[in-house]
């Protein structure tokens, strides 16, 4: 999380990268640098969201109560 500045979110299969980026930026008031998606063997779609250097992923994880 710290070295990559990335968090992983489970998203709807129909979500586009642009829609995911927009939703994350609006919800967390953070700048997103890149969104990559992957559908795993369990048929769930995950979005790998890399935040800009201005917004550390650890701050977002803390707000979510993950840390």
C-alpha atoms as a PDB file:
ATOM      1  CA  UNK A   1       0.000   0.000   0.000  1.00  0.00           C
ATOM      2  CA  UNK A   2       2.657   2.513   0.949  1.00  0.00           C
ATOM      3  CA  UNK A   3       5.224   1.744  -1.733  1.00  0.00           C
ATOM      4  CA  UNK A   4       2.673   1.476  -4.570  1.00  0.00           C
ATOM      5  CA  UNK A   5       0.218   4.086  -3.210  1.00  0.00           C
ATOM      6  CA  UNK A   6      -2.570   1.742  -4.348  1.00  0.00           C
ATOM      7  CA  UNK A   7      -5.789   0.380  -2.879  1.00  0.00           C
ATOM      8  CA  UNK A   8      -7.958  -2.428  -4.251  1.00  0.00           C
ATOM      9  CA  UNK A   9     -11.739  -2.048  -4.424  1.00  0.00           C
ATOM     10  CA  UNK A  10     -14.355  -4.615  -5.424  1.00  0.00           C
ATOM     11  CA  UNK A  11     -16.590  -2.987  -8.042  1.00  0.00           C
ATOM     12  CA  UNK A  12     -19.581  -3.805 -10.208  1.00  0.00           C
ATOM     13  CA  UNK A  13     -18.720  -5.767 -13.352  1.00  0.00           C
ATOM     14  CA  UNK A  14     -20.306  -3.105 -15.560  1.00  0.00           C
ATOM     15  CA  UNK A  15     -18.208  -0.253 -14.122  1.00  0.00           C
ATOM     16  CA  UNK A  16     -15.762   1.432 -16.465  1.00  0.00           C
ATOM     17  CA  UNK A  17     -12.340   2.688 -15.441  1.00  0.00           C
ATOM     18  CA  UNK A  18     -13.442   6.288 -15.963  1.00  0.00           C
ATOM     19  CA  UNK A  19     -16.567   5.802 -13.821  1.00  0.00           C
ATOM     20  CA  UNK A  20     -14.502   4.172 -11.059  1.00  0.00           C
ATOM     21  CA  UNK A  21     -11.980   7.020 -11.143  1.00  0.00           C
ATOM     22  CA  UNK A  22     -14.714   9.647 -10.977  1.00  0.00           C
ATOM     23  CA  UNK A  23     -16.514   7.892  -8.092  1.00  0.00           C
ATOM     24  CA  UNK A  24     -13.332   7.473  -6.036  1.00  0.00           C
ATOM     25  CA  UNK A  25     -12.299  11.096  -6.592  1.00  0.00           C
ATOM     26  CA  UNK A  26     -15.746  12.366  -5.565  1.00  0.00           C
ATOM     27  CA  UNK A  27     -16.214  10.044  -2.582  1.00  0.00           C
ATOM     28  CA  UNK A  28     -12.776  10.488  -1.010  1.00  0.00           C
ATOM     29  CA  UNK A  29     -11.972  13.960  -2.391  1.00  0.00           C
ATOM     30  CA  UNK A  30      -8.656  12.558  -3.624  1.00  0.00           C
ATOM     31  CA  UNK A  31      -6.770  12.616  -6.909  1.00  0.00           C
ATOM     32  CA  UNK A  32      -6.488   9.304  -8.745  1.00  0.00           C
ATOM     33  CA  UNK A  33      -3.471   8.704 -10.974  1.00  0.00           C
ATOM     34  CA  UNK A  34      -4.457   5.372 -12.530  1.00  0.00           C
ATOM     35  CA  UNK A  35      -7.170   2.708 -12.445  1.00  0.00           C
ATOM     36  CA  UNK A  36      -6.569  -0.877 -13.519  1.00  0.00           C
ATOM     37  CA  UNK A  37      -9.255  -3.551 -13.401  1.00  0.00           C
ATOM     38  CA  UNK A  38      -9.215  -7.310 -13.219  1.00  0.00           C
ATOM     39  CA  UNK A  39     -11.863 -10.011 -13.065  1.00  0.00           C
ATOM     40  CA  UNK A  40     -10.617 -12.784 -10.809  1.00  0.00           C
ATOM     41  CA  UNK A  41     -11.301 -16.517 -10.871  1.00  0.00           C
ATOM     42  CA  UNK A  42     -14.128 -15.904  -8.397  1.00  0.00           C
ATOM     43  CA  UNK A  43     -15.864 -13.789 -11.115  1.00  0.00           C
ATOM     44  CA  UNK A  44     -15.539 -10.580  -9.068  1.00  0.00           C
ATOM     45  CA  UNK A  45     -14.178  -7.411 -10.632  1.00  0.00           C
ATOM     46  CA  UNK A  46     -11.529  -5.541  -8.688  1.00  0.00           C
ATOM     47  CA  UNK A  47     -10.213  -2.053  -9.335  1.00  0.00           C
ATOM     48  CA  UNK A  48      -6.593  -1.322  -8.487  1.00  0.00           C
ATOM     49  CA  UNK A  49      -6.641   2.414  -7.789  1.00  0.00           C
ATOM     50  CA  UNK A  50      -3.320   4.229  -7.640  1.00  0.00           C
ATOM     51  CA  UNK A  51      -3.556   7.624  -6.010  1.00  0.00           C
ATOM     52  CA  UNK A  52      -1.464  10.656  -6.909  1.00  0.00           C
ATOM     53  CA  UNK A  53       1.441  11.606  -4.695  1.00  0.00           C
ATOM     54  CA  UNK A  54      -0.709  14.360  -3.175  1.00  0.00           C
ATOM     55  CA  UNK A  55      -3.012  11.741  -1.630  1.00  0.00           C
ATOM     56  CA  UNK A  56      -1.338   8.852   0.204  1.00  0.00           C
ATOM     57  CA  UNK A  57      -3.320   5.610   0.011  1.00  0.00           C
ATOM     58  CA  UNK A  58      -2.665   5.057   3.697  1.00  0.00           C
ATOM     59  CA  UNK A  59      -4.768   8.142   4.496  1.00  0.00           C
ATOM     60  CA  UNK A  60      -7.691   6.701   2.526  1.00  0.00           C
ATOM     61  CA  UNK A  61      -7.273   3.316   4.245  1.00  0.00           C
ATOM     62  CA  UNK A  62      -7.287   5.041   7.627  1.00  0.00           C
ATOM     63  CA  UNK A  63     -10.518   6.868   6.772  1.00  0.00           C
ATOM     64  CA  UNK A  64     -12.065   3.530   5.780  1.00  0.00           C
ATOM     65  CA  UNK A  65     -10.997   2.014   9.093  1.00  0.00           C
ATOM     66  CA  UNK A  66      -8.701  -0.555   7.483  1.00  0.00           C
ATOM     67  CA  UNK A  67      -5.731   0.514   9.576  1.00  0.00           C
END
